[in-house]
PDB file of N, CA and C in Angstrom:
ATOM      1  N   MET A   1      82.628  92.106  94.023  1.00  0.00           N
ATOM      2  CA  MET A   1      82.259  93.336  93.612  1.00  0.00           C
ATOM      3  C   MET A   1      83.008  93.874  92.359  1.00  0.00           C
ATOM      4  N   THR A   2      82.357  94.262  91.450  1.00  0.00           N
ATOM      5  CA  THR A   2      82.960  94.618  90.123  1.00  0.00           C
ATOM      6  C   THR A   2      83.435  96.127  90.356  1.00  0.00           C
ATOM      7  N   LYS A   3      84.175  96.682  89.382  1.00  0.00           N
ATOM      8  CA  LYS A   3      84.654  98.077  89.456  1.00  0.00           C
ATOM      9  C   LYS A   3      83.402  99.003  89.370  1.00  0.00           C
ATOM     10  N   ALA A   4      82.500  98.673  88.453  1.00  0.00           N
ATOM     11  CA  ALA A   4      81.274  99.595  88.315  1.00  0.00           C
ATOM     12  C   ALA A   4      80.530  99.576  89.672  1.00  0.00           C
ATOM     13  N   GLN A   5      80.376  98.483  90.269  1.00  0.00           N
ATOM     14  CA  GLN A   5      79.756  98.355  91.577  1.00  0.00           C
ATOM     15  C   GLN A   5      80.368  99.230  92.683  1.00  0.00           C
ATOM     16  N   PHE A   6      81.757  99.191  92.626  1.00  0.00           N
ATOM     17  CA  PHE A   6      82.490  99.871  93.506  1.00  0.00           C
ATOM     18  C   PHE A   6      82.430 101.310  93.368  1.00  0.00           C
ATOM     19  N   VAL A   7      82.498 101.724  92.105  1.00  0.00           N
ATOM     20  CA  VAL A   7      82.209 103.134  91.677  1.00  0.00           C
ATOM     21  C   VAL A   7      80.843 103.761  92.271  1.00  0.00           C
ATOM     22  N   GLU A   8      79.809 102.934  92.156  1.00  0.00           N
ATOM     23  CA  GLU A   8      78.459 103.293  92.705  1.00  0.00           C
ATOM     24  C   GLU A   8      78.556 103.527  94.069  1.00  0.00           C
ATOM     25  N   LEU A   9      79.215 102.518  94.761  1.00  0.00           N
ATOM     26  CA  LEU A   9      79.367 102.550  96.230  1.00  0.00           C
ATOM     27  C   LEU A   9      80.027 103.797  96.607  1.00  0.00           C
ATOM     28  N   VAL A  10      81.199 104.129  95.978  1.00  0.00           N
ATOM     29  CA  VAL A  10      81.922 105.435  96.378  1.00  0.00           C
ATOM     30  C   VAL A  10      81.167 106.634  96.075  1.00  0.00           C
ATOM     31  N   GLN A  11      80.296 106.634  95.042  1.00  0.00           N
ATOM     32  CA  GLN A  11      79.443 107.720  94.695  1.00  0.00           C
ATOM     33  C   GLN A  11      78.420 107.918  95.881  1.00  0.00           C
ATOM     34  N   SER A  12      77.798 106.886  96.336  1.00  0.00           N
ATOM     35  CA  SER A  12      76.873 107.008  97.332  1.00  0.00           C
ATOM     36  C   SER A  12      77.410 107.371  98.772  1.00  0.00           C
ATOM     37  N   THR A  13      78.455 106.746  98.954  1.00  0.00           N
ATOM     38  CA  THR A  13      79.174 106.803 100.307  1.00  0.00           C
ATOM     39  C   THR A  13      79.800 108.290 100.369  1.00  0.00           C
ATOM     40  N   GLY A  14      80.422 108.799  99.263  1.00  0.00           N
ATOM     41  CA  GLY A  14      81.199 110.007  99.202  1.00  0.00           C
ATOM     42  C   GLY A  14      80.448 111.082  98.856  1.00  0.00           C
ATOM     43  N   ASP A  15      79.118 110.960  98.620  1.00  0.00           N
ATOM     44  CA  ASP A  15      78.212 111.950  98.169  1.00  0.00           C
ATOM     45  C   ASP A  15      78.615 112.708  97.045  1.00  0.00           C
ATOM     46  N   TYR A  16      78.997 111.949  95.977  1.00  0.00           N
ATOM     47  CA  TYR A  16      79.481 112.668  94.608  1.00  0.00           C
ATOM     48  C   TYR A  16      78.319 112.657  93.772  1.00  0.00           C
ATOM     49  N   ALA A  17      78.305 113.796  92.981  1.00  0.00           N
ATOM     50  CA  ALA A  17      77.118 113.950  92.157  1.00  0.00           C
ATOM     51  C   ALA A  17      76.876 113.042  91.028  1.00  0.00           C
ATOM     52  N   THR A  18      78.105 112.600  90.442  1.00  0.00           N
ATOM     53  CA  THR A  18      78.086 111.694  89.364  1.00  0.00           C
ATOM     54  C   THR A  18      79.039 110.538  89.562  1.00  0.00           C
ATOM     55  N   LYS A  19      78.804 109.425  88.758  1.00  0.00           N
ATOM     56  CA  LYS A  19      79.716 108.354  88.736  1.00  0.00           C
ATOM     57  C   LYS A  19      81.132 108.770  88.163  1.00  0.00           C
ATOM     58  N   THR A  20      81.206 109.716  87.426  1.00  0.00           N
ATOM     59  CA  THR A  20      82.377 110.256  86.781  1.00  0.00           C
ATOM     60  C   THR A  20      83.220 110.878  87.732  1.00  0.00           C
ATOM     61  N   GLU A  21      82.677 111.651  88.707  1.00  0.00           N
ATOM     62  CA  GLU A  21      83.382 112.143  89.899  1.00  0.00           C
ATOM     63  C   GLU A  21      83.940 111.130  90.801  1.00  0.00           C
ATOM     64  N   ALA A  22      83.131 110.137  91.106  1.00  0.00           N
ATOM     65  CA  ALA A  22      83.592 109.061  92.068  1.00  0.00           C
ATOM     66  C   ALA A  22      84.736 108.350  91.370  1.00  0.00           C
ATOM     67  N   GLU A  23      84.533 108.032  90.055  1.00  0.00           N
ATOM     68  CA  GLU A  23      85.592 107.253  89.406  1.00  0.00           C
ATOM     69  C   GLU A  23      87.039 108.033  89.395  1.00  0.00           C
ATOM     70  N   LYS A  24      86.831 109.418  89.223  1.00  0.00           N
ATOM     71  CA  LYS A  24      88.064 110.282  89.342  1.00  0.00           C
ATOM     72  C   LYS A  24      88.633 110.230  90.656  1.00  0.00           C
ATOM     73  N   ALA A  25      87.897 110.156  91.642  1.00  0.00           N
ATOM     74  CA  ALA A  25      88.396 110.059  93.002  1.00  0.00           C
ATOM     75  C   ALA A  25      89.143 108.781  93.172  1.00  0.00           C
ATOM     76  N   ILE A  26      88.590 107.635  92.767  1.00  0.00           N
ATOM     77  CA  ILE A  26      89.192 106.312  92.872  1.00  0.00           C
ATOM     78  C   ILE A  26      90.570 106.348  92.067  1.00  0.00           C
ATOM     79  N   LYS A  27      90.567 106.922  90.907  1.00  0.00           N
ATOM     80  CA  LYS A  27      91.754 106.957  90.042  1.00  0.00           C
ATOM     81  C   LYS A  27      92.814 107.742  90.774  1.00  0.00           C
ATOM     82  N   ALA A  28      92.471 108.870  91.417  1.00  0.00           N
ATOM     83  CA  ALA A  28      93.382 109.757  91.988  1.00  0.00           C
ATOM     84  C   ALA A  28      94.048 109.065  93.137  1.00  0.00           C
ATOM     85  N   PHE A  29      93.145 108.295  93.969  1.00  0.00           N
ATOM     86  CA  PHE A  29      93.614 107.672  95.170  1.00  0.00           C
ATOM     87  C   PHE A  29      94.684 106.505  94.724  1.00  0.00           C
ATOM     88  N   THR A  30      94.222 105.589  93.795  1.00  0.00           N
ATOM     89  CA  THR A  30      95.156 104.608  93.346  1.00  0.00           C
ATOM     90  C   THR A  30      96.340 104.976  92.643  1.00  0.00           C
ATOM     91  N   GLY A  31      96.173 106.090  91.919  1.00  0.00           N
ATOM     92  CA  GLY A  31      97.457 106.578  91.354  1.00  0.00           C
ATOM     93  C   GLY A  31      98.374 107.208  92.377  1.00  0.00           C
ATOM     94  N   ALA A  32      97.836 107.962  93.337  1.00  0.00           N
ATOM     95  CA  ALA A  32      98.729 108.517  94.355  1.00  0.00           C
ATOM     96  C   ALA A  32      99.520 107.372  95.217  1.00  0.00           C
ATOM     97  N   VAL A  33      98.744 106.370  95.464  1.00  0.00           N
ATOM     98  CA  VAL A  33      99.382 105.172  96.302  1.00  0.00           C
ATOM     99  C   VAL A  33     100.505 104.600  95.408  1.00  0.00           C
ATOM    100  N   THR A  34     100.138 104.324  94.077  1.00  0.00           N
ATOM    101  CA  THR A  34     101.122 103.740  93.153  1.00  0.00           C
ATOM    102  C   THR A  34     102.426 104.523  92.990  1.00  0.00           C
ATOM    103  N   GLU A  35     102.223 105.895  92.946  1.00  0.00           N
ATOM    104  CA  GLU A  35     103.328 106.721  92.794  1.00  0.00           C
ATOM    105  C   GLU A  35     104.226 106.705  93.979  1.00  0.00           C
ATOM    106  N   ALA A  36     103.542 106.685  95.177  1.00  0.00           N
ATOM    107  CA  ALA A  36     104.294 106.744  96.376  1.00  0.00           C
ATOM    108  C   ALA A  36     105.065 105.470  96.558  1.00  0.00           C
ATOM    109  N   LEU A  37     104.387 104.351  96.250  1.00  0.00           N
ATOM    110  CA  LEU A  37     105.113 102.913  96.417  1.00  0.00           C
ATOM    111  C   LEU A  37     106.261 102.801  95.359  1.00  0.00           C
ATOM    112  N   THR A  38     106.114 103.369  94.226  1.00  0.00           N
ATOM    113  CA  THR A  38     107.290 103.201  93.285  1.00  0.00           C
ATOM    114  C   THR A  38     108.437 104.243  93.730  1.00  0.00           C
ATOM    115  N   LYS A  39     108.123 105.093  94.625  1.00  0.00           N
ATOM    116  CA  LYS A  39     109.228 105.889  95.176  1.00  0.00           C
ATOM    117  C   LYS A  39     109.724 105.271  96.501  1.00  0.00           C
ATOM    118  N   LYS A  40     109.328 104.049  96.747  1.00  0.00           N
ATOM    119  CA  LYS A  40     109.562 103.256  97.951  1.00  0.00           C
ATOM    120  C   LYS A  40     109.244 103.992  99.204  1.00  0.00           C
ATOM    121  N   GLU A  41     108.100 104.811  99.163  1.00  0.00           N
ATOM    122  CA  GLU A  41     107.493 105.584 100.397  1.00  0.00           C
ATOM    123  C   GLU A  41     106.390 104.723 100.834  1.00  0.00           C
ATOM    124  N   ASP A  42     106.112 104.583 102.171  1.00  0.00           N
ATOM    125  CA  ASP A  42     105.003 103.942 102.717  1.00  0.00           C
ATOM    126  C   ASP A  42     103.862 104.899 102.779  1.00  0.00           C
ATOM    127  N   VAL A  43     102.585 104.409 102.702  1.00  0.00           N
ATOM    128  CA  VAL A  43     101.340 105.236 102.835  1.00  0.00           C
ATOM    129  C   VAL A  43     100.499 104.644 103.885  1.00  0.00           C
ATOM    130  N   SER A  44     100.457 105.425 105.070  1.00  0.00           N
ATOM    131  CA  SER A  44      99.747 104.961 106.206  1.00  0.00           C
ATOM    132  C   SER A  44      98.520 105.773 106.383  1.00  0.00           C
ATOM    133  N   LEU A  45      97.339 105.018 106.452  1.00  0.00           N
ATOM    134  CA  LEU A  45      96.036 105.771 106.749  1.00  0.00           C
ATOM    135  C   LEU A  45      95.479 105.344 108.084  1.00  0.00           C
ATOM    136  N   VAL A  46      95.683 106.144 109.062  1.00  0.00           N
ATOM    137  CA  VAL A  46      95.312 105.647 110.344  1.00  0.00           C
ATOM    138  C   VAL A  46      93.925 105.093 110.497  1.00  0.00           C
ATOM    139  N   GLY A  47      93.825 103.984 111.087  1.00  0.00           N
ATOM    140  CA  GLY A  47      92.592 103.248 111.320  1.00  0.00           C
ATOM    141  C   GLY A  47      92.189 102.419 110.080  1.00  0.00           C
ATOM    142  N   PHE A  48      92.793 102.656 108.789  1.00  0.00           N
ATOM    143  CA  PHE A  48      92.352 101.836 107.759  1.00  0.00           C
ATOM    144  C   PHE A  48      93.527 100.928 107.492  1.00  0.00           C
ATOM    145  N   GLY A  49      94.770 101.244 107.408  1.00  0.00           N
ATOM    146  CA  GLY A  49      95.801 100.536 107.078  1.00  0.00           C
ATOM    147  C   GLY A  49      97.039 101.090 106.389  1.00  0.00           C
ATOM    148  N   SER A  50      98.047 100.304 106.076  1.00  0.00           N
ATOM    149  CA  SER A  50      99.247 100.797 105.451  1.00  0.00           C
ATOM    150  C   SER A  50      99.505 100.083 104.229  1.00  0.00           C
ATOM    151  N   PHE A  51     100.048 100.850 103.227  1.00  0.00           N
ATOM    152  CA  PHE A  51     100.550 100.272 102.077  1.00  0.00           C
ATOM    153  C   PHE A  51     102.092 100.429 101.942  1.00  0.00           C
ATOM    154  N   VAL A  52     102.778  99.407 101.817  1.00  0.00           N
ATOM    155  CA  VAL A  52     104.322  99.326 101.676  1.00  0.00           C
ATOM    156  C   VAL A  52     104.836  98.571 100.487  1.00  0.00           C
ATOM    157  N   ALA A  53     105.992  99.077 100.079  1.00  0.00           N
ATOM    158  CA  ALA A  53     106.747  98.322  99.133  1.00  0.00           C
ATOM    159  C   ALA A  53     107.827  97.619  99.827  1.00  0.00           C
ATOM    160  N   THR A  54     107.917  96.289  99.711  1.00  0.00           N
ATOM    161  CA  THR A  54     109.009  95.499 100.289  1.00  0.00           C
ATOM    162  C   THR A  54     109.722  94.700  99.266  1.00  0.00           C
ATOM    163  N   LEU A  55     110.984  94.240  99.623  1.00  0.00           N
ATOM    164  CA  LEU A  55     111.729  93.448  98.764  1.00  0.00           C
ATOM    165  C   LEU A  55     111.393  91.943  98.928  1.00  0.00           C
ATOM    166  N   GLN A  56     110.965  91.322  97.833  1.00  0.00           N
ATOM    167  CA  GLN A  56     110.767  89.773  98.011  1.00  0.00           C
ATOM    168  C   GLN A  56     111.966  89.203  97.427  1.00  0.00           C
ATOM    169  N   LYS A  57     112.690  88.268  98.258  1.00  0.00           N
ATOM    170  CA  LYS A  57     113.818  87.645  97.859  1.00  0.00           C
ATOM    171  C   LYS A  57     113.480  86.536  96.723  1.00  0.00           C
ATOM    172  N   GLY A  58     114.551  86.284  95.897  1.00  0.00           N
ATOM    173  CA  GLY A  58     114.390  85.450  94.885  1.00  0.00           C
ATOM    174  C   GLY A  58     114.367  83.932  95.468  1.00  0.00           C
ATOM    175  N   LYS A  59     113.699  83.122  94.856  1.00  0.00           N
ATOM    176  CA  LYS A  59     113.571  81.649  95.257  1.00  0.00           C
ATOM    177  C   LYS A  59     114.206  80.749  94.321  1.00  0.00           C
ATOM    178  N   SER A  60     114.564  79.617  94.803  1.00  0.00           N
ATOM    179  CA  SER A  60     114.992  78.486  93.962  1.00  0.00           C
ATOM    180  C   SER A  60     114.201  77.266  94.104  1.00  0.00           C
ATOM    181  N   GLY A  61     114.083  76.548  93.081  1.00  0.00           N
ATOM    182  CA  GLY A  61     113.236  75.295  93.145  1.00  0.00           C
ATOM    183  C   GLY A  61     113.550  74.443  92.046  1.00  0.00           C
ATOM    184  N   LYS A  62     112.715  73.287  92.083  1.00  0.00           N
ATOM    185  CA  LYS A  62     112.898  72.268  91.140  1.00  0.00           C
ATOM    186  C   LYS A  62     111.613  72.003  90.359  1.00  0.00           C
ATOM    187  N   VAL A  63     111.557  71.780  89.082  1.00  0.00           N
ATOM    188  CA  VAL A  63     110.458  71.613  88.335  1.00  0.00           C
ATOM    189  C   VAL A  63     110.017  70.058  88.626  1.00  0.00           C
ATOM    190  N   PRO A  64     108.708  69.809  89.160  1.00  0.00           N
ATOM    191  CA  PRO A  64     108.318  68.613  89.422  1.00  0.00           C
ATOM    192  C   PRO A  64     108.301  67.581  88.194  1.00  0.00           C
ATOM    193  N   GLY A  65     108.840  66.326  88.357  1.00  0.00           N
ATOM    194  CA  GLY A  65     108.876  65.325  87.239  1.00  0.00           C
ATOM    195  C   GLY A  65     110.001  65.582  86.405  1.00  0.00           C
ATOM    196  N   THR A  66     110.887  66.506  86.730  1.00  0.00           N
ATOM    197  CA  THR A  66     112.171  66.697  85.810  1.00  0.00           C
ATOM    198  C   THR A  66     113.406  67.032  86.784  1.00  0.00           C
ATOM    199  N   ASP A  67     114.460  67.023  86.070  1.00  0.00           N
ATOM    200  CA  ASP A  67     115.697  67.498  86.875  1.00  0.00           C
ATOM    201  C   ASP A  67     115.902  68.926  86.718  1.00  0.00           C
ATOM    202  N   LYS A  68     115.108  69.772  86.139  1.00  0.00           N
ATOM    203  CA  LYS A  68     115.379  71.123  85.938  1.00  0.00           C
ATOM    204  C   LYS A  68     115.203  71.935  87.206  1.00  0.00           C
ATOM    205  N   THR A  69     116.079  72.828  87.389  1.00  0.00           N
ATOM    206  CA  THR A  69     115.935  73.825  88.508  1.00  0.00           C
ATOM    207  C   THR A  69     115.689  75.154  88.020  1.00  0.00           C
ATOM    208  N   TYR A  70     115.219  76.125  88.874  1.00  0.00           N
ATOM    209  CA  TYR A  70     115.001  77.407  88.425  1.00  0.00           C
ATOM    210  C   TYR A  70     115.335  78.363  89.670  1.00  0.00           C
ATOM    211  N   LYS A  71     115.571  79.622  89.321  1.00  0.00           N
ATOM    212  CA  LYS A  71     115.787  80.645  90.328  1.00  0.00           C
ATOM    213  C   LYS A  71     115.109  82.011  89.738  1.00  0.00           C
ATOM    214  N   THR A  72     114.268  82.471  90.776  1.00  0.00           N
ATOM    215  CA  THR A  72     113.614  83.716  90.450  1.00  0.00           C
ATOM    216  C   THR A  72     114.513  84.868  91.080  1.00  0.00           C
ATOM    217  N   LYS A  73     114.376  86.042  90.542  1.00  0.00           N
ATOM    218  CA  LYS A  73     115.141  87.223  90.938  1.00  0.00           C
ATOM    219  C   LYS A  73     114.403  87.959  92.090  1.00  0.00           C
ATOM    220  N   ASP A  74     115.206  88.806  92.846  1.00  0.00           N
ATOM    221  CA  ASP A  74     114.617  89.572  93.911  1.00  0.00           C
ATOM    222  C   ASP A  74     113.754  90.632  93.143  1.00  0.00           C
ATOM    223  N   LYS A  75     112.648  91.026  93.857  1.00  0.00           N
ATOM    224  CA  LYS A  75     111.694  92.018  93.258  1.00  0.00           C
ATOM    225  C   LYS A  75     111.091  92.845  94.297  1.00  0.00           C
ATOM    226  N   MET A  76     110.698  93.995  93.990  1.00  0.00           N
ATOM    227  CA  MET A  76     109.946  94.818  94.989  1.00  0.00           C
ATOM    228  C   MET A  76     108.387  94.514  94.658  1.00  0.00           C
ATOM    229  N   VAL A  77     107.678  94.258  95.830  1.00  0.00           N
ATOM    230  CA  VAL A  77     106.209  93.905  95.741  1.00  0.00           C
ATOM    231  C   VAL A  77     105.469  94.826  96.714  1.00  0.00           C
ATOM    232  N   PRO A  78     104.150  95.204  96.332  1.00  0.00           N
ATOM    233  CA  PRO A  78     103.444  95.935  97.248  1.00  0.00           C
ATOM    234  C   PRO A  78     102.693  95.008  98.203  1.00  0.00           C
ATOM    235  N   LYS A  79     102.563  95.570  99.434  1.00  0.00           N
ATOM    236  CA  LYS A  79     101.832  94.774 100.528  1.00  0.00           C
ATOM    237  C   LYS A  79     100.941  95.887 101.142  1.00  0.00           C
ATOM    238  N   PHE A  80      99.833  95.271 101.764  1.00  0.00           N
ATOM    239  CA  PHE A  80      98.892  96.023 102.563  1.00  0.00           C
ATOM    240  C   PHE A  80      98.601  95.368 103.889  1.00  0.00           C
ATOM    241  N   LYS A  81      98.650  96.157 104.907  1.00  0.00           N
ATOM    242  CA  LYS A  81      98.397  95.617 106.267  1.00  0.00           C
ATOM    243  C   LYS A  81      97.211  96.465 106.820  1.00  0.00           C
ATOM    244  N   ALA A  82      96.066  95.652 107.162  1.00  0.00           N
ATOM    245  CA  ALA A  82      94.967  96.283 107.609  1.00  0.00           C
ATOM    246  C   ALA A  82      95.098  96.957 108.960  1.00  0.00           C
ATOM    247  N   GLY A  83      94.483  98.051 109.186  1.00  0.00           N
ATOM    248  CA  GLY A  83      94.555  98.785 110.478  1.00  0.00           C
ATOM    249  C   GLY A  83      93.515  98.194 111.354  1.00  0.00           C
ATOM    250  N   LYS A  84      93.620  98.620 112.625  1.00  0.00           N
ATOM    251  CA  LYS A  84      92.696  98.092 113.779  1.00  0.00           C
ATOM    252  C   LYS A  84      91.208  98.536 113.379  1.00  0.00           C
ATOM    253  N   GLY A  85      91.023  99.770 112.903  1.00  0.00           N
ATOM    254  CA  GLY A  85      89.660 100.203 112.557  1.00  0.00           C
ATOM    255  C   GLY A  85      88.949  99.425 111.544  1.00  0.00           C
ATOM    256  N   LEU A  86      89.751  99.076 110.476  1.00  0.00           N
ATOM    257  CA  LEU A  86      89.270  98.213 109.394  1.00  0.00           C
ATOM    258  C   LEU A  86      89.004  96.876 109.913  1.00  0.00           C
ATOM    259  N   LYS A  87      89.853  96.342 110.740  1.00  0.00           N
ATOM    260  CA  LYS A  87      89.792  94.891 111.211  1.00  0.00           C
ATOM    261  C   LYS A  87      88.475  94.790 112.101  1.00  0.00           C
ATOM    262  N   ASP A  88      88.376  95.776 112.900  1.00  0.00           N
ATOM    263  CA  ASP A  88      87.237  95.779 113.824  1.00  0.00           C
ATOM    264  C   ASP A  88      85.937  95.785 113.140  1.00  0.00           C
ATOM    265  N   SER A  89      85.750  96.676 112.131  1.00  0.00           N
ATOM    266  CA  SER A  89      84.638  96.836 111.235  1.00  0.00           C
ATOM    267  C   SER A  89      84.234  95.530 110.464  1.00  0.00           C
ATOM    268  N   VAL A  90      85.249  94.950 110.037  1.00  0.00           N
ATOM    269  CA  VAL A  90      85.012  93.723 109.256  1.00  0.00           C
ATOM    270  C   VAL A  90      84.592  92.563 110.205  1.00  0.00           C
ATOM    271  N   GLU A  91      85.107  92.590 111.530  1.00  0.00           N
ATOM    272  CA  GLU A  91      84.820  91.502 112.540  1.00  0.00           C
ATOM    273  C   GLU A  91      83.312  91.738 112.890  1.00  0.00           C
ATOM    274  N   LYS A  92      82.874  92.932 112.949  1.00  0.00           N
ATOM    275  CA  LYS A  92      81.415  93.189 113.515  1.00  0.00           C
ATOM    276  C   LYS A  92      80.478  92.902 112.416  1.00  0.00           C
ATOM    277  N   ALA A  93      80.899  92.765 111.084  1.00  0.00           N
ATOM    278  CA  ALA A  93      80.019  92.591 109.949  1.00  0.00           C
ATOM    279  C   ALA A  93      79.728  91.135 109.817  1.00  0.00           C
ATOM    280  N   LYS A  94      80.213  90.154 110.655  1.00  0.00           N
ATOM    281  CA  LYS A  94      80.012  88.747 110.504  1.00  0.00           C
ATOM    282  C   LYS A  94      78.557  88.287 110.216  1.00  0.00           C
TER     283      LYS A  94
END
């Protein structure tokens, strides 16, 4: 699904008058989640899921075919865990 198709879906599902209003709602939601995660706060939407920022440990490895090794740094990454309501809805849609 493209962004334009998603905006149309939000418009019809959310009963927004225009696509512009639906796109504003999407931007507000994604912006708010992004801001919360950058502050290392979790966002839990009961029945839908949880957005969390977790620390991903750095890794070390070897470049195939050479003797070179590398090490990545620790970094914060966003993660999403689906809630029971979302899982059940997807399961029914088979």
